C-alpha atoms as a PDB file:
ATOM      1  CA  MET A   1      93.862  47.616   6.762  1.00  0.00           C
ATOM      2  CA  ARG A   2      91.155  46.247   9.156  1.00  0.00           C
ATOM      3  CA  LYS A   3      88.248  48.190   7.361  1.00  0.00           C
ATOM      4  CA  LYS A   4      88.298  46.270   4.438  1.00  0.00           C
ATOM      5  CA  PRO A   5      87.462  42.895   6.137  1.00  0.00           C
ATOM      6  CA  LEU A   6      84.669  44.862   8.031  1.00  0.00           C
ATOM      7  CA  ILE A   7      82.964  46.870   4.845  1.00  0.00           C
ATOM      8  CA  ILE A   8      83.317  43.041   2.993  1.00  0.00           C
ATOM      9  CA  ILE A   9      81.092  41.425   6.515  1.00  0.00           C
ATOM     10  CA  PHE A  10      78.780  44.624   6.357  1.00  0.00           C
ATOM     11  CA  LEU A  11      77.896  44.008   2.991  1.00  0.00           C
ATOM     12  CA  ILE A  12      77.396  40.252   3.186  1.00  0.00           C
ATOM     13  CA  PHE A  13      75.203  41.231   5.876  1.00  0.00           C
ATOM     14  CA  THR A  14      73.387  43.429   4.124  1.00  0.00           C
ATOM     15  CA  LEU A  15      72.859  41.348   1.030  1.00  0.00           C
ATOM     16  CA  SER A  16      71.501  38.455   3.329  1.00  0.00           C
ATOM     17  CA  ILE A  17      69.168  40.408   4.703  1.00  0.00           C
ATOM     18  CA  PHE A  18      67.934  41.851   1.438  1.00  0.00           C
ATOM     19  CA  VAL A  19      67.979  38.278  -0.003  1.00  0.00           C
ATOM     20  CA  PHE A  20      65.979  37.266   3.232  1.00  0.00           C
ATOM     21  CA  TYR A  21      62.855  39.554   2.915  1.00  0.00           C
ATOM     22  CA  PHE A  22      63.028  39.057  -0.756  1.00  0.00           C
ATOM     23  CA  ILE A  23      62.127  35.408  -0.519  1.00  0.00           C
ATOM     24  CA  LYS A  24      59.677  36.089   2.087  1.00  0.00           C
ATOM     25  CA  ASP A  25      57.908  38.408   0.091  1.00  0.00           C
ATOM     26  CA  LYS A  26      57.942  35.849  -2.797  1.00  0.00           C
ATOM     27  CA  SER A  27      56.387  33.204  -0.335  1.00  0.00           C
ATOM     28  CA  ILE A  28      53.813  35.651   0.963  1.00  0.00           C
ATOM     29  CA  GLN A  29      52.614  36.696  -2.727  1.00  0.00           C
ATOM     30  CA  ASN A  30      52.441  32.983  -4.156  1.00  0.00           C
ATOM     31  CA  LYS A  31      50.085  31.903  -1.424  1.00  0.00           C
ATOM     32  CA  GLY A  32      47.302  31.151  -3.783  1.00  0.00           C
ATOM     33  CA  ILE A  33      44.300  28.194  -2.891  1.00  0.00           C
ATOM     34  CA  LEU A  34      42.930  25.668  -5.309  1.00  0.00           C
ATOM     35  CA  SER A  35      39.649  23.987  -4.617  1.00  0.00           C
ATOM     36  CA  LEU A  36      38.714  21.182  -6.746  1.00  0.00           C
ATOM     37  CA  ALA A  37      34.902  20.322  -6.817  1.00  0.00           C
ATOM     38  CA  PHE A  38      32.771  18.308  -8.489  1.00  0.00           C
ATOM     39  CA  ASP A  39      28.984  18.310  -8.837  1.00  0.00           C
ATOM     40  CA  ASP A  40      26.513  15.801  -9.823  1.00  0.00           C
ATOM     41  CA  GLY A  41      27.766  12.876  -7.982  1.00  0.00           C
ATOM     42  CA  TYR A  42      28.933  10.647 -11.256  1.00  0.00           C
ATOM     43  CA  LEU A  43      29.966   7.152 -10.441  1.00  0.00           C
ATOM     44  CA  THR A  44      33.244   7.933 -12.773  1.00  0.00           C
ATOM     45  CA  GLN A  45      33.836  11.026 -10.325  1.00  0.00           C
ATOM     46  CA  TYR A  46      34.310   7.908  -8.167  1.00  0.00           C
ATOM     47  CA  THR A  47      36.304   5.609  -9.912  1.00  0.00           C
ATOM     48  CA  LEU A  48      38.401   7.776 -12.550  1.00  0.00           C
ATOM     49  CA  ALA A  49      39.285  11.096 -10.531  1.00  0.00           C
ATOM     50  CA  TYR A  50      38.823   9.736  -6.809  1.00  0.00           C
ATOM     51  CA  PRO A  51      42.095   7.238  -7.672  1.00  0.00           C
ATOM     52  CA  GLU A  52      44.021   9.988  -9.413  1.00  0.00           C
ATOM     53  CA  MET A  53      43.243  12.580  -6.634  1.00  0.00           C
ATOM     54  CA  GLN A  54      44.728   9.779  -4.268  1.00  0.00           C
ATOM     55  CA  LYS A  55      47.963   9.830  -5.755  1.00  0.00           C
ATOM     56  CA  TYR A  56      48.600  13.285  -5.002  1.00  0.00           C
ATOM     57  CA  SER A  57      47.114  13.359  -1.320  1.00  0.00           C
ATOM     58  CA  PHE A  58      44.581  15.991  -2.831  1.00  0.00           C
ATOM     59  CA  ASN A  59      40.778  16.193  -1.682  1.00  0.00           C
ATOM     60  CA  GLY A  60      38.067  17.608  -3.204  1.00  0.00           C
ATOM     61  CA  THR A  61      34.266  18.903  -2.292  1.00  0.00           C
ATOM     62  CA  LEU A  62      31.990  16.465  -3.983  1.00  0.00           C
ATOM     63  CA  TYR A  63      27.853  17.492  -4.740  1.00  0.00           C
ATOM     64  CA  LEU A  64      25.376  14.910  -4.789  1.00  0.00           C
ATOM     65  CA  ILE A  65      21.886  14.919  -6.003  1.00  0.00           C
ATOM     66  CA  VAL A  66      20.139  13.384  -3.027  1.00  0.00           C
ATOM     67  CA  ASN A  67      17.256  11.672  -4.686  1.00  0.00           C
ATOM     68  CA  LEU A  68      18.791  10.655  -8.307  1.00  0.00           C
ATOM     69  CA  THR A  69      20.844   7.288  -9.406  1.00  0.00           C
ATOM     70  CA  GLU A  70      21.044   8.659 -12.888  1.00  0.00           C
ATOM     71  CA  PHE A  71      21.526  11.802 -14.155  1.00  0.00           C
ATOM     72  CA  GLU A  72      21.974  12.927 -17.903  1.00  0.00           C
ATOM     73  CA  SER A  73      21.982   8.984 -18.931  1.00  0.00           C
ATOM     74  CA  LYS A  74      25.062   8.824 -16.691  1.00  0.00           C
ATOM     75  CA  GLU A  75      25.114   6.314 -13.565  1.00  0.00           C
ATOM     76  CA  LEU A  76      25.758   7.840 -10.013  1.00  0.00           C
ATOM     77  CA  MET A  77      27.856   6.941  -7.476  1.00  0.00           C
ATOM     78  CA  THR A  78      26.284   5.353  -4.315  1.00  0.00           C
ATOM     79  CA  PHE A  79      25.963   6.966  -0.953  1.00  0.00           C
ATOM     80  CA  GLU A  80      28.483   4.574   0.189  1.00  0.00           C
ATOM     81  CA  GLN A  81      30.882   5.310  -2.063  1.00  0.00           C
ATOM     82  CA  ALA A  82      30.666   9.157  -1.338  1.00  0.00           C
ATOM     83  CA  GLU A  83      31.192   7.662   2.213  1.00  0.00           C
ATOM     84  CA  GLU A  84      34.401   6.326   1.798  1.00  0.00           C
ATOM     85  CA  MET A  85      35.925   9.523   0.069  1.00  0.00           C
ATOM     86  CA  GLN A  86      34.925  11.243   2.948  1.00  0.00           C
ATOM     87  CA  GLU A  87      36.545   9.409   5.445  1.00  0.00           C
ATOM     88  CA  HIS A  88      39.813   9.832   3.072  1.00  0.00           C
ATOM     89  CA  GLY A  89      39.502  13.680   3.371  1.00  0.00           C
ATOM     90  CA  TRP A  90      36.645  14.892   1.105  1.00  0.00           C
ATOM     91  CA  GLU A  91      34.028  17.329   1.536  1.00  0.00           C
ATOM     92  CA  ILE A  92      30.361  16.348   0.789  1.00  0.00           C
ATOM     93  CA  GLY A  93      27.787  19.161  -0.210  1.00  0.00           C
ATOM     94  CA  SER A  94      24.375  19.255  -1.292  1.00  0.00           C
ATOM     95  CA  HIS A  95      23.480  19.615  -4.981  1.00  0.00           C
ATOM     96  CA  GLY A  96      19.633  19.609  -4.399  1.00  0.00           C
ATOM     97  CA  LEU A  97      16.929  16.557  -4.186  1.00  0.00           C
ATOM     98  CA  ASN A  98      16.293  15.969  -8.140  1.00  0.00           C
ATOM     99  CA  HIS A  99      18.699  18.486  -9.507  1.00  0.00           C
ATOM    100  CA  LYS A 100      16.141  21.430 -10.419  1.00  0.00           C
ATOM    101  CA  SER A 101      16.918  24.948 -10.956  1.00  0.00           C
ATOM    102  CA  LEU A 102      15.581  26.495  -7.735  1.00  0.00           C
ATOM    103  CA  THR A 103      14.683  29.740  -9.854  1.00  0.00           C
ATOM    104  CA  ILE A 104      11.454  28.135 -11.316  1.00  0.00           C
ATOM    105  CA  LEU A 105      10.448  26.371  -7.822  1.00  0.00           C
ATOM    106  CA  SER A 106       7.748  27.379  -5.402  1.00  0.00           C
ATOM    107  CA  LYS A 107       9.177  29.280  -2.164  1.00  0.00           C
ATOM    108  CA  GLU A 108       8.145  25.790  -0.516  1.00  0.00           C
ATOM    109  CA  LYS A 109       9.899  23.548  -3.024  1.00  0.00           C
ATOM    110  CA  VAL A 110      12.749  25.815  -2.383  1.00  0.00           C
ATOM    111  CA  GLU A 111      12.771  25.342   1.064  1.00  0.00           C
ATOM    112  CA  LYS A 112      12.163  21.531   1.006  1.00  0.00           C
ATOM    113  CA  GLU A 113      15.369  21.413  -1.611  1.00  0.00           C
ATOM    114  CA  LEU A 114      17.759  23.259   0.349  1.00  0.00           C
ATOM    115  CA  SER A 115      16.618  21.830   4.171  1.00  0.00           C
ATOM    116  CA  LEU A 116      15.608  17.988   3.113  1.00  0.00           C
ATOM    117  CA  SER A 117      18.541  17.622   0.664  1.00  0.00           C
ATOM    118  CA  LYS A 118      20.922  18.631   3.855  1.00  0.00           C
ATOM    119  CA  ASP A 119      18.849  16.588   6.263  1.00  0.00           C
ATOM    120  CA  ILE A 120      18.979  13.418   4.163  1.00  0.00           C
ATOM    121  CA  LEU A 121      22.554  13.503   3.606  1.00  0.00           C
ATOM    122  CA  GLU A 122      22.977  14.262   7.185  1.00  0.00           C
ATOM    123  CA  ASN A 123      21.312  11.033   8.444  1.00  0.00           C
ATOM    124  CA  LYS A 124      23.200   8.873   6.026  1.00  0.00           C
ATOM    125  CA  GLY A 125      26.526  10.243   8.201  1.00  0.00           C
ATOM    126  CA  PHE A 126      27.745  13.333   5.939  1.00  0.00           C
ATOM    127  CA  LYS A 127      28.805  16.616   6.796  1.00  0.00           C
ATOM    128  CA  ILE A 128      26.737  19.255   5.282  1.00  0.00           C
ATOM    129  CA  TYR A 129      28.178  22.762   4.985  1.00  0.00           C
ATOM    130  CA  THR A 130      27.703  24.113   1.550  1.00  0.00           C
ATOM    131  CA  PHE A 131      25.675  24.139  -1.341  1.00  0.00           C
ATOM    132  CA  ALA A 132      25.780  24.144  -5.155  1.00  0.00           C
ATOM    133  CA  PHE A 133      23.069  25.681  -7.257  1.00  0.00           C
ATOM    134  CA  PRO A 134      21.646  23.467  -9.812  1.00  0.00           C
ATOM    135  CA  PHE A 135      22.511  24.794 -13.340  1.00  0.00           C
ATOM    136  CA  GLY A 136      24.405  27.655 -11.097  1.00  0.00           C
ATOM    137  CA  TYR A 137      21.111  29.387 -10.800  1.00  0.00           C
ATOM    138  CA  TYR A 138      19.742  31.641  -8.044  1.00  0.00           C
ATOM    139  CA  ASN A 139      18.330  34.911  -7.019  1.00  0.00           C
ATOM    140  CA  GLU A 140      18.322  37.128  -3.848  1.00  0.00           C
ATOM    141  CA  GLU A 141      15.778  35.397  -2.609  1.00  0.00           C
ATOM    142  CA  ILE A 142      16.823  31.938  -2.769  1.00  0.00           C
ATOM    143  CA  LEU A 143      20.275  33.252  -1.382  1.00  0.00           C
ATOM    144  CA  ASN A 144      18.574  34.535   1.593  1.00  0.00           C
ATOM    145  CA  LYS A 145      17.252  31.334   2.036  1.00  0.00           C
ATOM    146  CA  THR A 146      20.232  29.388   1.827  1.00  0.00           C
ATOM    147  CA  LYS A 147      21.910  31.296   4.377  1.00  0.00           C
ATOM    148  CA  LYS A 148      19.218  29.522   6.991  1.00  0.00           C
ATOM    149  CA  TYR A 149      21.289  26.587   6.487  1.00  0.00           C
ATOM    150  CA  TYR A 150      24.381  26.131   4.764  1.00  0.00           C
ATOM    151  CA  PHE A 151      27.958  28.239   5.596  1.00  0.00           C
ATOM    152  CA  ALA A 152      28.690  28.746   1.741  1.00  0.00           C
ATOM    153  CA  SER A 153      26.971  28.385  -1.646  1.00  0.00           C
ATOM    154  CA  ARG A 154      28.551  28.155  -5.113  1.00  0.00           C
ATOM    155  CA  PRO A 155      26.619  29.603  -8.239  1.00  0.00           C
ATOM    156  CA  MET A 156      27.715  29.358 -11.614  1.00  0.00           C
ATOM    157  CA  VAL A 157      29.747  33.153 -11.163  1.00  0.00           C
ATOM    158  CA  TRP A 158      32.903  32.985 -12.959  1.00  0.00           C
ATOM    159  CA  GLY A 159      36.062  33.966 -11.758  1.00  0.00           C
ATOM    160  CA  TYR A 160      38.328  34.445  -8.491  1.00  0.00           C
ATOM    161  CA  ASN A 161      37.760  34.838  -5.322  1.00  0.00           C
ATOM    162  CA  ASP A 162      39.680  37.766  -3.127  1.00  0.00           C
ATOM    163  CA  ARG A 163      40.831  35.856   0.115  1.00  0.00           C
ATOM    164  CA  ASN A 164      40.768  39.458   1.723  1.00  0.00           C
ATOM    165  CA  ASN A 165      37.248  39.899   0.287  1.00  0.00           C
ATOM    166  CA  THR A 166      35.071  36.650  -0.316  1.00  0.00           C
ATOM    167  CA  ASP A 167      31.402  36.677  -0.136  1.00  0.00           C
ATOM    168  CA  PHE A 168      31.013  32.818   0.925  1.00  0.00           C
ATOM    169  CA  TYR A 169      27.739  32.616  -0.315  1.00  0.00           C
ATOM    170  CA  THR A 170      28.223  33.702  -4.065  1.00  0.00           C
ATOM    171  CA  LEU A 171      31.647  32.154  -4.346  1.00  0.00           C
ATOM    172  CA  LYS A 172      33.028  32.556  -7.604  1.00  0.00           C
ATOM    173  CA  SER A 173      34.402  29.419  -9.810  1.00  0.00           C
ATOM    174  CA  LYS A 174      35.878  28.456 -13.206  1.00  0.00           C
ATOM    175  CA  TRP A 175      33.357  25.230 -14.691  1.00  0.00           C
ATOM    176  CA  VAL A 176      35.854  23.182 -16.968  1.00  0.00           C
ATOM    177  CA  LYS A 177      34.492  22.588 -20.071  1.00  0.00           C
ATOM    178  CA  LYS A 178      35.855  20.547 -23.262  1.00  0.00           C
ATOM    179  CA  GLY A 179      36.967  23.565 -25.120  1.00  0.00           C
ATOM    180  CA  ASN A 180      39.509  23.922 -22.422  1.00  0.00           C
ATOM    181  CA  SER A 181      42.671  22.380 -22.637  1.00  0.00           C
ATOM    182  CA  PRO A 182      44.834  21.038 -20.117  1.00  0.00           C
ATOM    183  CA  GLN A 183      47.467  24.063 -20.628  1.00  0.00           C
ATOM    184  CA  GLU A 184      44.345  26.914 -20.442  1.00  0.00           C
ATOM    185  CA  ILE A 185      43.469  25.402 -17.485  1.00  0.00           C
ATOM    186  CA  CYS A 186      46.993  25.186 -15.718  1.00  0.00           C
ATOM    187  CA  SER A 187      47.736  28.726 -16.696  1.00  0.00           C
ATOM    188  CA  TRP A 188      44.508  29.459 -14.747  1.00  0.00           C
ATOM    189  CA  VAL A 189      45.779  27.382 -11.380  1.00  0.00           C
ATOM    190  CA  GLU A 190      49.205  29.657 -11.787  1.00  0.00           C
ATOM    191  CA  TYR A 191      47.517  33.015 -12.145  1.00  0.00           C
ATOM    192  CA  ALA A 192      45.784  31.949  -8.677  1.00  0.00           C
ATOM    193  CA  HIS A 193      49.032  31.130  -6.988  1.00  0.00           C
ATOM    194  CA  LYS A 194      51.014  34.211  -7.981  1.00  0.00           C
ATOM    195  CA  ASN A 195      48.245  36.758  -6.779  1.00  0.00           C
ATOM    196  CA  ASN A 196      47.195  35.282  -3.990  1.00  0.00           C
ATOM    197  CA  LEU A 197      43.647  34.028  -5.273  1.00  0.00           C
ATOM    198  CA  TRP A 198      41.187  31.383  -4.485  1.00  0.00           C
ATOM    199  CA  LEU A 199      40.260  29.415  -7.617  1.00  0.00           C
ATOM    200  CA  THR A 200      37.792  26.537  -7.770  1.00  0.00           C
ATOM    201  CA  LEU A 201      37.742  24.475 -10.693  1.00  0.00           C
ATOM    202  CA  VAL A 202      34.224  22.774 -11.277  1.00  0.00           C
ATOM    203  CA  PHE A 203      34.305  19.145 -12.717  1.00  0.00           C
ATOM    204  CA  HIS A 204      31.022  17.487 -13.889  1.00  0.00           C
ATOM    205  CA  TYR A 205      31.420  14.057 -15.644  1.00  0.00           C
ATOM    206  CA  ILE A 206      35.396  12.741 -16.090  1.00  0.00           C
ATOM    207  CA  GLY A 207      35.374   9.806 -18.857  1.00  0.00           C
ATOM    208  CA  ASN A 208      37.478   8.356 -21.587  1.00  0.00           C
ATOM    209  CA  SER A 209      35.985  10.635 -24.107  1.00  0.00           C
ATOM    210  CA  GLU A 210      34.170  14.393 -24.377  1.00  0.00           C
ATOM    211  CA  GLU A 211      30.599  14.227 -25.625  1.00  0.00           C
ATOM    212  CA  ARG A 212      29.411  17.184 -23.897  1.00  0.00           C
ATOM    213  CA  PRO A 213      29.934  20.723 -23.178  1.00  0.00           C
ATOM    214  CA  PHE A 214      31.066  19.865 -19.500  1.00  0.00           C
ATOM    215  CA  ASP A 215      32.926  16.319 -19.891  1.00  0.00           C
ATOM    216  CA  GLU A 216      36.498  16.237 -19.511  1.00  0.00           C
ATOM    217  CA  SER A 217      38.383  13.228 -20.403  1.00  0.00           C
ATOM    218  CA  ILE A 218      40.611  11.284 -18.090  1.00  0.00           C
ATOM    219  CA  ASN A 219      43.948  11.834 -19.630  1.00  0.00           C
ATOM    220  CA  ASP A 220      43.292  15.604 -19.425  1.00  0.00           C
ATOM    221  CA  PHE A 221      42.099  15.568 -15.969  1.00  0.00           C
ATOM    222  CA  LYS A 222      45.181  13.934 -15.157  1.00  0.00           C
ATOM    223  CA  GLU A 223      47.235  16.340 -16.660  1.00  0.00           C
ATOM    224  CA  ILE A 224      45.289  18.706 -14.746  1.00  0.00           C
ATOM    225  CA  LEU A 225      46.511  17.173 -11.592  1.00  0.00           C
ATOM    226  CA  ASN A 226      50.090  17.130 -12.576  1.00  0.00           C
ATOM    227  CA  CYS A 227      50.139  20.730 -13.435  1.00  0.00           C
ATOM    228  CA  VAL A 228      48.249  21.402  -9.796  1.00  0.00           C
ATOM    229  CA  ASN A 229      51.271  19.539  -8.144  1.00  0.00           C
ATOM    230  CA  GLU A 230      53.846  20.936 -10.144  1.00  0.00           C
ATOM    231  CA  THR A 231      52.646  24.403  -9.270  1.00  0.00           C
ATOM    232  CA  ASN A 232      53.002  23.889  -5.766  1.00  0.00           C
ATOM    233  CA  ILE A 233      49.369  25.511  -4.625  1.00  0.00           C
ATOM    234  CA  LYS A 234      47.971  24.473  -1.860  1.00  0.00           C
ATOM    235  CA  VAL A 235      44.640  22.496  -2.291  1.00  0.00           C
ATOM    236  CA  LYS A 236      41.822  22.555  -0.075  1.00  0.00           C
ATOM    237  CA  THR A 237      38.150  21.587   0.006  1.00  0.00           C
ATOM    238  CA  ILE A 238      35.855  24.478   0.412  1.00  0.00           C
ATOM    239  CA  LYS A 239      35.127  23.342   4.244  1.00  0.00           C
ATOM    240  CA  GLU A 240      38.718  23.642   5.066  1.00  0.00           C
ATOM    241  CA  VAL A 241      38.802  27.189   3.766  1.00  0.00           C
ATOM    242  CA  LEU A 242      35.622  28.038   5.926  1.00  0.00           C
ATOM    243  CA  GLU A 243      37.672  26.863   8.904  1.00  0.00           C
ATOM    244  CA  ASP A 244      40.871  28.834   7.812  1.00  0.00           C
ATOM    245  CA  GLU A 245      38.219  31.630   8.114  1.00  0.00           C
ATOM    246  CA  LYS A 246      36.769  30.401  11.215  1.00  0.00           C
ATOM    247  CA  ARG A 247      33.464  30.561   9.683  1.00  0.00           C
ATOM    248  CA  ILE A 248      32.414  27.252  11.059  1.00  0.00           C
END
């Protein structure tokens, strides 16, 4: 008569162990990372995107064009506004001096774009670790020069980063375009989370409408942030990922 209770206890114990390891395995698998990057430093990234990000305590990586106050007929934010964002946890990176493709510049001008843009930003009080290539263009020679000044760089290479084998100087990303619905972008985030990948979403101008290829409406942006929050993926700046990997 005593064997039956012992069998039941054994089965409960075995089931508990199975459930524990199943949950543990699922938690290990769902450890994707999302970085939210903003190129060019448009004013609306400060006035529209930044407040929406604060609602979820999300921080982004902002790439500033150092010498311009306007780009593609759109106003850029001030250094003071970018400084406020850095004080609230955002990472500031360099996007060059004048948003010129480095692949068409002389060796001397490439060196200047990389080094002087970093120096100017650091003299303004920013901590600069990463560079985003203007238009996403680069070559091996430019890449080698970039390594002299930065801990990571982001060209226009489409895709996800393998967290176990990341090339931090050719970081992959997905540039958000007006043809991408919030549902499609949400599927990218979910895929990264489920497959333990690092996804960087790159945004440009945020506005009330989508006039140009890389414009994103504020309503769609809000929907994307809500999806990110519901997915429960870890949102980190590129600098924070570098810190996790003990690269800085």
